[in-house]
Amino acid sequence: MNVSAAQLRDAADSGTASDPRPYKIGSLSYSLFGVIFVGFWLILGGCCFSLMAWMMVPTVLPLVLKDYSASAAMIGLVVGSLPSAMNAIMNPVLSTASDRTRSRWGRRRPYLLFATPFVALFVILLGWMPHFAAFLHARGWDMGFALGSLVIFLIAVCAVIFQFFDLIVGSVYYYLAPDVIPLRFYGRFIAASNIAGTLTTLVFSLYVLPLVKINVAWVFTGVGAAYFLIFMLMCIFVKEGEYPPVVNYQKKQGSFFKRLLEWVVIYCRQCYRQPFFVMFFLGLGLHSVSTTCRSVFNLLFATEDLHMTVEQFGKVGAAGALVSLGVIFVMGFIVDRFSPMLLYLFSTVPILAANIWGYFFTTNYSSFFVVGIAISVVYAIQSVCGAPLGVMIFPKEKYGQFCSANAIVRSILLILGNYLGGLAIDFFGYRFIFVWDAVFTIIATAALIYVYFKWKEYGGEKNYQPPSTE
């Protein structure tokens, strides 16, 4: 989750025992019940966003496309590469615009309120595209496409529009919590968010995924309707406070394009001039690339190569999510006591072991179950360890800016990774997901080892001072 360190640092989180609302952040003031209430709606909204952006579309859409004979490269392009390309452009613009927005609804909620109806609409339409294509084909309005090609084309167009609006939500939602959750509760909020996300994965795997083969259109419709209702209620119940006036760092003279170019130059110089930060961006981005083949093709590997049912795959995902709950809870305490950087690096060893074992010995449902649980546990460990890394590394006064710079690098790597991963799967088969994960985990770890030693040079755990960004 992206956290504005400057917001956390400047948050006024104090009060007196006689004050009925002693918990403060900026101009907001809460009772204990108020903090719980706001946290509940933020977490519920986050669960819906995760269900939509990280589970429903990446997992189910490849299955729909495969039913109409889409290649693995095409699936990787539609599900992974195109959204990543859009994110590389949209994320820094939306992050900066949101920081500088002032309205009666705050600076984050206007974007969420605008985009949420469109996200819900287009995810519902994704489910009905095969029916719409059949309708057009039956009447000769198919533009010369065969039925399967028409379905793939319409899904691709709809998916791009969906991703556009979903990226507006994704670029802004994670900045809302630091603006409204008091600092003293933030750690517990993060832990509760992770646990809720794992429970969402459990429910998706057990109860939603098995329905896909029964009626995929109504599954998309149900998820879209639930997303719309819950996210809109979250925007209503979570209030933003007042923000200080916007500070202009650029000269007002000059044309729009000249000022835009000036902003781009300043942004790139500050974020990318230090190899230390660039290697950190690369390390995190390549770790994301390492999981692309598994996230997109794991279900197809299970159903096509191992002849498992979707229900069996769902049970593996549910068991992995259930085990991850305990891991996340325990790791929350461990990360507070030991260096998250070292823990993150050490977690790559069991990742490599699980992938090597999986490549050679995953031959049926039982062995897939074992390796699936092992990988779920290790990535749960890594997700908890990785959450504080940006806060540790990035300059506090430019945290949001550096988060978007990191997102740009990650998106560029995922553009290449998703498409090249799809080509690799077309060439080597679905079992290559294990090789892909292992190779990119090694490269990513090498980059982060460099970062670790430079981080120690800059002061390490107790005395870290980031290198100059000017």
Protein backbone atom coordinates (compact mmCIF):
# COMPACT_ATOMS: atom_id res chain seq x y z
CA MET A 1 0.00 0.00 0.00
CA ASN A 2 1.30 3.47 -0.88
CA VAL A 3 1.75 5.64 2.25
CA SER A 4 2.55 9.34 2.23
CA ALA A 5 5.36 9.59 4.72
CA ALA A 6 5.01 13.36 4.85
CA GLN A 7 1.35 12.97 5.77
CA LEU A 8 2.21 10.50 8.50
CA ARG A 9 5.01 12.68 9.81
CA ASP A 10 2.86 15.81 9.93
CA ALA A 11 -0.26 14.13 11.30
CA ALA A 12 -1.46 15.64 14.55
CA ASP A 13 -2.34 12.53 16.52
CA SER A 14 -2.82 13.72 20.05
CA GLY A 15 -5.53 14.68 22.50
CA THR A 16 -6.52 14.83 26.12
CA ALA A 17 -8.32 12.29 28.26
CA SER A 18 -11.25 14.71 28.73
CA ASP A 19 -11.69 15.19 24.98
CA PRO A 20 -14.45 12.84 23.74
CA ARG A 21 -12.70 12.73 20.37
CA PRO A 22 -9.01 12.56 21.24
CA TYR A 23 -7.69 11.00 18.02
CA LYS A 24 -6.70 13.62 15.48
CA ILE A 25 -5.11 13.82 12.07
CA GLY A 26 -4.90 17.21 10.43
CA SER A 27 -8.28 18.91 10.86
CA LEU A 28 -10.06 15.58 11.48
CA SER A 29 -10.95 14.44 14.99
CA TYR A 30 -12.33 11.02 15.96
CA SER A 31 -13.60 9.02 18.87
CA LEU A 32 -12.35 5.42 19.04
CA PHE A 33 -15.57 4.28 17.38
CA GLY A 34 -14.99 6.87 14.64
CA VAL A 35 -11.53 5.50 13.88
CA ILE A 36 -12.93 1.96 13.70
CA PHE A 37 -15.81 3.11 11.48
CA VAL A 38 -13.54 4.89 8.98
CA GLY A 39 -11.06 2.01 9.01
CA PHE A 40 -13.86 -0.48 8.37
CA TRP A 41 -15.06 1.33 5.24
CA LEU A 42 -11.54 1.84 3.91
CA ILE A 43 -10.74 -1.85 4.37
CA LEU A 44 -14.06 -2.93 2.83
CA GLY A 45 -13.38 -0.68 -0.16
CA GLY A 46 -9.86 -2.08 -0.43
CA CYS A 47 -11.22 -5.63 -0.47
CA CYS A 48 -13.55 -4.73 -3.34
CA PHE A 49 -10.73 -3.07 -5.26
CA SER A 50 -8.47 -6.11 -4.74
CA LEU A 51 -11.25 -8.47 -5.80
CA MET A 52 -11.76 -6.49 -8.99
CA ALA A 53 -8.23 -5.48 -9.96
CA TRP A 54 -6.08 -8.34 -8.64
CA MET A 55 -8.34 -11.40 -8.63
CA MET A 56 -11.41 -11.17 -10.85
CA VAL A 57 -9.93 -9.70 -14.02
CA PRO A 58 -6.39 -11.24 -13.99
CA THR A 59 -7.66 -14.71 -13.03
CA VAL A 60 -11.02 -15.08 -14.77
CA LEU A 61 -10.49 -13.05 -17.96
CA PRO A 62 -7.64 -15.31 -19.23
CA LEU A 63 -9.99 -18.27 -18.83
CA VAL A 64 -12.67 -16.53 -20.92
CA LEU A 65 -10.15 -15.54 -23.60
CA LYS A 66 -8.73 -19.07 -23.70
CA ASP A 67 -12.23 -20.45 -24.37
CA TYR A 68 -12.17 -18.48 -27.63
CA SER A 69 -8.67 -19.68 -28.61
CA ALA A 70 -6.73 -16.55 -27.70
CA SER A 71 -2.97 -17.16 -27.65
CA ALA A 72 -0.99 -16.86 -24.42
CA ALA A 73 0.77 -13.81 -25.90
CA MET A 74 -2.59 -12.16 -26.60
CA ILE A 75 -3.78 -12.94 -23.06
CA GLY A 76 -0.58 -11.47 -21.62
CA LEU A 77 -0.99 -8.36 -23.76
CA VAL A 78 -4.64 -7.71 -22.83
CA VAL A 79 -4.47 -8.66 -19.15
CA GLY A 80 -0.97 -7.44 -18.30
CA SER A 81 0.99 -5.38 -20.82
CA LEU A 82 -1.65 -2.84 -21.86
CA PRO A 83 -2.71 -2.01 -18.28
CA SER A 84 0.95 -1.64 -17.31
CA ALA A 85 1.59 0.74 -20.21
CA MET A 86 -1.41 2.83 -19.21
CA ASN A 87 -0.30 2.85 -15.57
CA ALA A 88 3.16 4.13 -16.50
CA ILE A 89 1.54 7.24 -17.99
CA MET A 90 -1.46 7.73 -15.71
CA ASN A 91 -0.02 7.03 -12.26
CA PRO A 92 2.39 9.98 -11.91
CA VAL A 93 -0.11 12.40 -13.47
CA LEU A 94 -3.00 11.28 -11.24
CA SER A 95 -0.85 11.13 -8.10
CA THR A 96 0.40 14.68 -8.63
CA ALA A 97 -3.04 16.00 -9.63
CA SER A 98 -4.66 14.40 -6.59
CA ASP A 99 -2.08 15.93 -4.24
CA ARG A 100 -2.88 19.37 -5.64
CA THR A 101 -6.68 19.05 -5.81
CA ARG A 102 -8.81 21.10 -3.42
CA SER A 103 -12.59 20.62 -3.36
CA ARG A 104 -15.50 20.37 -0.93
CA TRP A 105 -15.13 16.57 -1.23
CA GLY A 106 -11.42 16.64 -0.47
CA ARG A 107 -8.54 15.81 -2.80
CA ARG A 108 -8.93 12.03 -3.19
CA ARG A 109 -12.67 11.34 -3.22
CA PRO A 110 -13.54 13.39 -6.33
CA TYR A 111 -11.45 10.99 -8.44
CA LEU A 112 -12.96 7.92 -6.76
CA LEU A 113 -16.53 9.19 -7.12
CA PHE A 114 -15.96 9.96 -10.81
CA ALA A 115 -14.32 6.66 -11.78
CA THR A 116 -16.23 4.12 -9.66
CA PRO A 117 -19.45 3.97 -11.77
CA PHE A 118 -17.41 3.42 -14.95
CA VAL A 119 -15.29 0.69 -13.35
CA ALA A 120 -18.44 -1.16 -12.30
CA LEU A 121 -20.11 -0.66 -15.70
CA PHE A 122 -17.23 -1.94 -17.79
CA VAL A 123 -16.45 -4.96 -15.61
CA ILE A 124 -20.10 -5.97 -16.01
CA LEU A 125 -19.82 -5.47 -19.78
CA LEU A 126 -16.70 -7.66 -19.85
CA GLY A 127 -18.80 -10.60 -18.73
CA TRP A 128 -21.43 -10.01 -21.40
CA MET A 129 -19.09 -9.42 -24.36
CA PRO A 130 -19.36 -13.05 -25.64
CA HIS A 131 -23.17 -12.69 -25.69
CA PHE A 132 -22.92 -9.30 -27.40
CA ALA A 133 -20.50 -10.74 -29.98
CA ALA A 134 -22.91 -13.63 -30.69
CA PHE A 135 -25.72 -11.08 -31.13
CA LEU A 136 -23.68 -9.07 -33.65
CA HIS A 137 -22.47 -12.19 -35.47
CA ALA A 138 -25.98 -13.59 -35.85
CA ARG A 139 -27.11 -10.39 -37.57
CA GLY A 140 -24.07 -10.08 -39.82
CA TRP A 141 -22.72 -7.06 -37.95
CA ASP A 142 -19.42 -8.77 -37.19
CA MET A 143 -17.13 -6.51 -39.32
CA GLY A 144 -15.76 -9.60 -41.05
CA PHE A 145 -14.51 -11.24 -37.85
CA ALA A 146 -15.07 -14.89 -37.08
CA LEU A 147 -17.10 -15.29 -33.88
CA GLY A 148 -14.09 -16.21 -31.71
CA SER A 149 -12.01 -13.33 -33.05
CA LEU A 150 -14.91 -10.92 -32.55
CA VAL A 151 -15.23 -11.97 -28.90
CA ILE A 152 -11.50 -11.47 -28.33
CA PHE A 153 -11.59 -8.05 -30.03
CA LEU A 154 -14.58 -6.81 -28.03
CA ILE A 155 -13.16 -8.09 -24.75
CA ALA A 156 -9.84 -6.38 -25.50
CA VAL A 157 -11.54 -3.03 -26.20
CA CYS A 158 -13.74 -3.31 -23.12
CA ALA A 159 -10.78 -4.38 -20.97
CA VAL A 160 -8.74 -1.33 -22.01
CA ILE A 161 -11.60 1.04 -21.12
CA PHE A 162 -12.12 -0.79 -17.82
CA GLN A 163 -8.41 -0.53 -17.00
CA PHE A 164 -8.42 3.21 -17.74
CA PHE A 165 -11.04 3.92 -15.08
CA ASP A 166 -9.72 1.27 -12.71
CA LEU A 167 -6.29 2.92 -12.82
CA ILE A 168 -7.85 6.22 -11.73
CA VAL A 169 -9.15 4.45 -8.62
CA GLY A 170 -5.93 2.51 -8.07
CA SER A 171 -3.73 5.59 -8.40
CA VAL A 172 -5.67 7.53 -5.75
CA TYR A 173 -7.29 5.05 -3.33
CA TYR A 174 -4.05 4.14 -1.54
CA TYR A 175 -3.40 7.80 -0.70
CA LEU A 176 -6.75 8.23 1.07
CA ALA A 177 -5.95 6.21 4.20
CA PRO A 178 -2.85 8.25 5.22
CA ASP A 179 -5.01 11.38 5.01
CA VAL A 180 -7.76 10.11 7.33
CA ILE A 181 -6.32 7.40 9.65
CA PRO A 182 -4.53 8.73 12.78
CA LEU A 183 -0.89 7.78 12.95
CA ARG A 184 -1.13 5.73 16.14
CA PHE A 185 -3.60 3.35 14.47
CA TYR A 186 -1.85 3.04 11.13
CA GLY A 187 0.09 -0.15 11.81
CA ARG A 188 -3.02 -1.95 12.98
CA PHE A 189 -4.90 -0.63 9.97
CA ILE A 190 -2.27 -2.10 7.62
CA ALA A 191 -2.37 -5.47 9.40
CA ALA A 192 -6.17 -5.54 9.31
CA SER A 193 -6.10 -4.62 5.60
CA ASN A 194 -3.75 -7.52 4.81
CA ILE A 195 -5.85 -10.00 6.76
CA ALA A 196 -9.06 -8.73 5.11
CA GLY A 197 -7.40 -9.04 1.70
CA THR A 198 -6.46 -12.64 2.46
CA LEU A 199 -10.01 -13.42 3.54
CA THR A 200 -11.22 -11.87 0.29
CA THR A 201 -8.94 -14.25 -1.62
CA LEU A 202 -10.37 -17.12 0.40
CA VAL A 203 -13.98 -16.19 -0.40
CA PHE A 204 -13.12 -15.63 -4.07
CA SER A 205 -11.40 -19.00 -4.37
CA LEU A 206 -14.12 -20.97 -2.55
CA TYR A 207 -17.33 -19.31 -3.66
CA VAL A 208 -16.77 -17.08 -6.69
CA LEU A 209 -14.30 -19.00 -8.84
CA PRO A 210 -16.40 -22.21 -9.02
CA LEU A 211 -19.28 -20.16 -10.48
CA VAL A 212 -17.19 -19.01 -13.44
CA LYS A 213 -17.78 -22.16 -15.47
CA ILE A 214 -21.51 -22.04 -14.66
CA ASN A 215 -22.27 -18.48 -15.77
CA VAL A 216 -19.33 -16.13 -16.15
CA ALA A 217 -21.50 -13.19 -17.24
CA TRP A 218 -23.48 -13.13 -14.00
CA VAL A 219 -20.29 -13.53 -11.95
CA PHE A 220 -18.91 -10.35 -13.53
CA THR A 221 -22.29 -8.66 -13.00
CA GLY A 222 -22.44 -9.57 -9.32
CA VAL A 223 -18.89 -8.45 -8.64
CA GLY A 224 -19.43 -5.18 -10.52
CA ALA A 225 -22.65 -4.38 -8.66
CA ALA A 226 -21.08 -5.13 -5.26
CA TYR A 227 -18.06 -2.99 -6.13
CA PHE A 228 -20.21 -0.03 -7.12
CA LEU A 229 -22.36 -0.16 -3.98
CA ILE A 230 -19.53 -0.59 -1.48
CA PHE A 231 -17.09 1.86 -3.06
CA MET A 232 -19.71 4.60 -3.34
CA LEU A 233 -20.72 4.08 0.30
CA MET A 234 -17.04 4.26 1.29
CA CYS A 235 -16.71 7.62 -0.48
CA ILE A 236 -19.78 8.90 1.38
CA PHE A 237 -18.84 7.69 4.87
CA VAL A 238 -15.09 8.44 4.78
CA LYS A 239 -14.69 12.19 5.15
CA GLU A 240 -11.57 14.11 4.25
CA GLY A 241 -10.38 17.11 6.27
CA GLU A 242 -9.00 20.44 5.20
CA TYR A 243 -5.64 20.68 3.47
CA PRO A 244 -3.12 23.53 3.35
CA PRO A 245 -3.03 25.67 0.20
CA VAL A 246 -1.21 24.28 -2.81
CA VAL A 247 2.41 25.43 -3.13
CA ASN A 248 3.65 26.24 -6.63
CA TYR A 249 7.19 25.04 -7.30
CA GLN A 250 7.27 26.14 -10.92
CA LYS A 251 7.27 29.53 -12.55
CA LYS A 252 3.91 30.65 -13.84
CA GLN A 253 5.42 32.10 -16.99
CA GLY A 254 5.62 30.12 -20.19
CA SER A 255 3.27 28.02 -22.26
CA PHE A 256 1.53 24.93 -20.95
CA PHE A 257 3.87 22.62 -22.86
CA LYS A 258 6.97 24.44 -21.64
CA ARG A 259 5.84 24.13 -18.02
CA LEU A 260 4.89 20.49 -18.58
CA LEU A 261 8.35 19.75 -19.97
CA GLU A 262 9.91 21.57 -17.01
CA TRP A 263 7.88 19.44 -14.59
CA VAL A 264 8.94 16.22 -16.37
CA VAL A 265 12.63 17.22 -16.23
CA ILE A 266 12.45 18.07 -12.51
CA TYR A 267 10.55 14.84 -11.79
CA CYS A 268 13.00 12.61 -13.67
CA ARG A 269 16.08 14.33 -12.26
CA GLN A 270 14.92 13.96 -8.68
CA CYS A 271 13.73 10.36 -8.98
CA TYR A 272 16.19 8.72 -11.37
CA ARG A 273 19.56 10.44 -11.00
CA GLN A 274 20.72 8.24 -8.09
CA PRO A 275 21.65 4.61 -8.98
CA PHE A 276 20.63 3.66 -5.43
CA PHE A 277 16.99 4.52 -6.11
CA VAL A 278 17.04 3.15 -9.65
CA MET A 279 18.29 -0.23 -8.44
CA PHE A 280 15.62 -0.25 -5.76
CA PHE A 281 12.94 0.44 -8.39
CA LEU A 282 14.38 -2.34 -10.57
CA GLY A 283 14.56 -4.82 -7.70
CA LEU A 284 10.92 -4.34 -6.72
CA GLY A 285 9.77 -4.20 -10.34
CA LEU A 286 11.56 -7.42 -11.30
CA HIS A 287 10.05 -9.18 -8.31
CA SER A 288 6.66 -8.17 -9.73
CA VAL A 289 7.71 -9.47 -13.15
CA SER A 290 8.67 -12.79 -11.55
CA THR A 291 5.02 -13.43 -10.64
CA THR A 292 3.43 -12.42 -13.95
CA CYS A 293 3.37 -15.86 -15.57
CA ARG A 294 1.96 -17.48 -12.45
CA SER A 295 -0.74 -14.86 -11.90
CA VAL A 296 -1.95 -15.07 -15.51
CA PHE A 297 -1.35 -18.73 -16.42
CA ASN A 298 -1.50 -20.69 -13.15
CA LEU A 299 -5.16 -21.60 -13.60
CA LEU A 300 -4.52 -22.68 -17.18
CA PHE A 301 -1.51 -24.76 -16.07
CA ALA A 302 -3.71 -26.51 -13.50
CA THR A 303 -6.65 -27.16 -15.84
CA GLU A 304 -4.81 -27.80 -19.13
CA ASP A 305 -1.61 -29.61 -18.05
CA LEU A 306 -2.65 -31.25 -14.77
CA HIS A 307 -6.31 -31.77 -15.77
CA MET A 308 -7.57 -30.29 -12.52
CA THR A 309 -11.02 -28.76 -12.22
CA VAL A 310 -11.62 -25.09 -11.51
CA GLU A 311 -13.08 -26.17 -8.16
CA GLN A 312 -9.85 -27.97 -7.23
CA PHE A 313 -7.84 -24.90 -8.20
CA GLY A 314 -10.12 -22.81 -6.02
CA LYS A 315 -9.52 -25.10 -3.05
CA VAL A 316 -5.76 -24.67 -3.42
CA GLY A 317 -6.16 -20.89 -3.50
CA ALA A 318 -8.48 -20.99 -0.48
CA ALA A 319 -6.10 -23.16 1.54
CA GLY A 320 -3.19 -20.89 0.62
CA ALA A 321 -5.15 -17.83 1.69
CA LEU A 322 -6.14 -19.47 4.99
CA VAL A 323 -2.56 -20.43 5.83
CA SER A 324 -1.39 -16.94 4.81
CA LEU A 325 -3.63 -15.41 7.47
CA GLY A 326 -1.53 -16.88 10.25
CA VAL A 327 1.69 -16.02 8.44
CA ILE A 328 0.69 -12.37 8.00
CA PHE A 329 -0.30 -12.08 11.66
CA VAL A 330 3.01 -13.53 12.91
CA MET A 331 5.13 -11.59 10.41
CA GLY A 332 3.62 -8.33 11.62
CA PHE A 333 5.41 -8.83 14.95
CA ILE A 334 8.63 -10.18 13.39
CA VAL A 335 8.99 -7.24 10.99
CA ASP A 336 8.76 -4.85 13.95
CA ARG A 337 11.76 -6.55 15.57
CA PHE A 338 14.05 -7.36 12.65
CA SER A 339 15.14 -5.55 9.50
CA PRO A 340 12.40 -5.78 6.81
CA MET A 341 15.13 -5.46 4.17
CA LEU A 342 17.00 -8.56 5.36
CA LEU A 343 13.78 -10.53 5.82
CA TYR A 344 12.72 -9.63 2.29
CA LEU A 345 16.04 -10.79 0.87
CA PHE A 346 16.02 -14.05 2.86
CA SER A 347 12.48 -14.81 1.65
CA THR A 348 13.81 -15.29 -1.87
CA VAL A 349 15.55 -18.54 -0.84
CA PRO A 350 12.32 -20.49 -0.18
CA ILE A 351 10.78 -18.91 -3.31
CA LEU A 352 13.57 -20.43 -5.41
CA ALA A 353 13.28 -23.77 -3.61
CA ALA A 354 9.50 -23.91 -4.15
CA ASN A 355 9.83 -23.13 -7.87
CA ILE A 356 12.59 -25.67 -8.46
CA TRP A 357 10.61 -28.34 -6.62
CA GLY A 358 7.43 -27.31 -8.45
CA TYR A 359 9.00 -27.54 -11.91
CA PHE A 360 10.21 -31.11 -11.44
CA PHE A 361 7.58 -32.63 -9.16
CA THR A 362 4.21 -30.93 -9.81
CA THR A 363 2.34 -33.62 -11.73
CA ASN A 364 -1.12 -33.86 -10.18
CA TYR A 365 -3.59 -32.20 -7.82
CA SER A 366 -1.79 -33.30 -4.66
CA SER A 367 1.64 -32.01 -5.70
CA PHE A 368 0.08 -28.80 -7.06
CA PHE A 369 -1.60 -28.35 -3.69
CA VAL A 370 1.71 -28.69 -1.83
CA VAL A 371 3.65 -26.26 -4.02
CA GLY A 372 0.70 -23.86 -4.11
CA ILE A 373 0.59 -23.66 -0.32
CA ALA A 374 4.37 -23.26 -0.11
CA ILE A 375 4.42 -20.39 -2.61
CA SER A 376 1.42 -18.71 -0.93
CA VAL A 377 3.21 -18.79 2.42
CA VAL A 378 6.48 -17.40 1.07
CA TYR A 379 4.82 -14.60 -0.87
CA ALA A 380 2.75 -13.73 2.21
CA ILE A 381 6.03 -13.34 4.11
CA GLN A 382 7.47 -11.21 1.33
CA SER A 383 4.39 -8.99 1.08
CA VAL A 384 4.55 -8.09 4.78
CA CYS A 385 8.31 -7.50 4.65
CA GLY A 386 8.03 -5.45 1.47
CA ALA A 387 5.34 -3.05 2.73
CA PRO A 388 7.73 -0.88 4.84
CA LEU A 389 10.58 -0.81 2.31
CA GLY A 390 9.46 2.28 0.43
CA VAL A 391 8.94 4.18 3.69
CA MET A 392 12.46 3.16 4.73
CA ILE A 393 14.14 4.09 1.45
CA PHE A 394 12.31 7.02 -0.15
CA PRO A 395 12.88 10.65 0.96
CA LYS A 396 10.06 11.49 3.35
CA GLU A 397 9.28 14.87 1.80
CA LYS A 398 8.90 13.28 -1.68
CA TYR A 399 7.35 9.96 -0.75
CA GLY A 400 4.35 10.13 -3.08
CA GLN A 401 6.51 11.30 -5.97
CA PHE A 402 8.92 8.42 -5.49
CA CYS A 403 6.04 5.95 -5.21
CA SER A 404 4.82 7.04 -8.63
CA ALA A 405 8.38 6.90 -10.01
CA ASN A 406 8.59 3.34 -8.72
CA ALA A 407 5.23 2.58 -10.34
CA ILE A 408 6.52 3.85 -13.70
CA VAL A 409 9.52 1.51 -13.64
CA ARG A 410 7.34 -1.37 -12.48
CA SER A 411 4.83 -0.70 -15.26
CA ILE A 412 7.49 -0.58 -17.98
CA LEU A 413 8.94 -3.87 -16.74
CA LEU A 414 5.47 -5.43 -16.60
CA ILE A 415 4.68 -4.27 -20.14
CA LEU A 416 7.64 -6.31 -21.36
CA GLY A 417 7.25 -9.06 -18.79
CA ASN A 418 3.62 -9.90 -19.46
CA TYR A 419 4.03 -10.03 -23.22
CA LEU A 420 7.38 -11.85 -23.22
CA GLY A 421 6.05 -14.19 -20.56
CA GLY A 422 3.11 -15.00 -22.82
CA LEU A 423 5.49 -15.70 -25.71
CA ALA A 424 7.58 -17.94 -23.44
CA ILE A 425 4.48 -19.86 -22.39
CA ASP A 426 3.47 -20.30 -26.04
CA PHE A 427 6.93 -21.71 -26.75
CA PHE A 428 7.74 -23.73 -23.61
CA GLY A 429 4.30 -24.55 -22.18
CA TYR A 430 2.54 -23.66 -18.94
CA ARG A 431 5.11 -25.42 -16.71
CA PHE A 432 7.54 -22.65 -17.61
CA ILE A 433 5.85 -20.50 -14.94
CA PHE A 434 8.24 -22.04 -12.39
CA VAL A 435 11.34 -21.25 -14.45
CA TRP A 436 10.17 -17.69 -15.11
CA ASP A 437 9.57 -17.03 -11.41
CA ALA A 438 12.96 -18.45 -10.38
CA VAL A 439 15.01 -16.58 -13.01
CA PHE A 440 13.51 -13.16 -12.33
CA THR A 441 13.61 -13.69 -8.57
CA ILE A 442 17.40 -14.20 -8.84
CA ILE A 443 17.86 -11.04 -10.93
CA ALA A 444 15.64 -8.97 -8.63
CA THR A 445 17.44 -10.22 -5.54
CA ALA A 446 20.81 -9.26 -7.01
CA ALA A 447 19.57 -5.68 -7.50
CA LEU A 448 18.24 -5.51 -3.94
CA ILE A 449 21.48 -6.88 -2.47
CA TYR A 450 23.21 -3.85 -4.03
CA VAL A 451 20.54 -1.62 -2.47
CA TYR A 452 21.01 -3.26 0.92
CA PHE A 453 24.75 -2.54 1.06
CA LYS A 454 24.29 1.04 -0.17
CA TRP A 455 21.52 1.51 2.40
CA LYS A 456 23.97 0.42 5.10
CA GLU A 457 26.48 2.97 3.79
CA TYR A 458 23.82 5.69 4.07
CA GLY A 459 23.24 4.91 7.75
CA GLY A 460 21.17 1.73 7.78
CA GLU A 461 18.39 1.01 10.26
CA LYS A 462 19.12 3.77 12.79
CA ASN A 463 20.85 6.59 10.95
CA TYR A 464 19.69 6.35 7.34
CA GLN A 465 19.87 9.55 5.32
CA PRO A 466 18.77 9.24 1.69
CA PRO A 467 21.16 10.49 -0.99
CA SER A 468 20.50 13.92 -2.42
CA THR A 469 17.76 14.13 -5.05
CA GLU A 470 18.54 17.68 -6.20
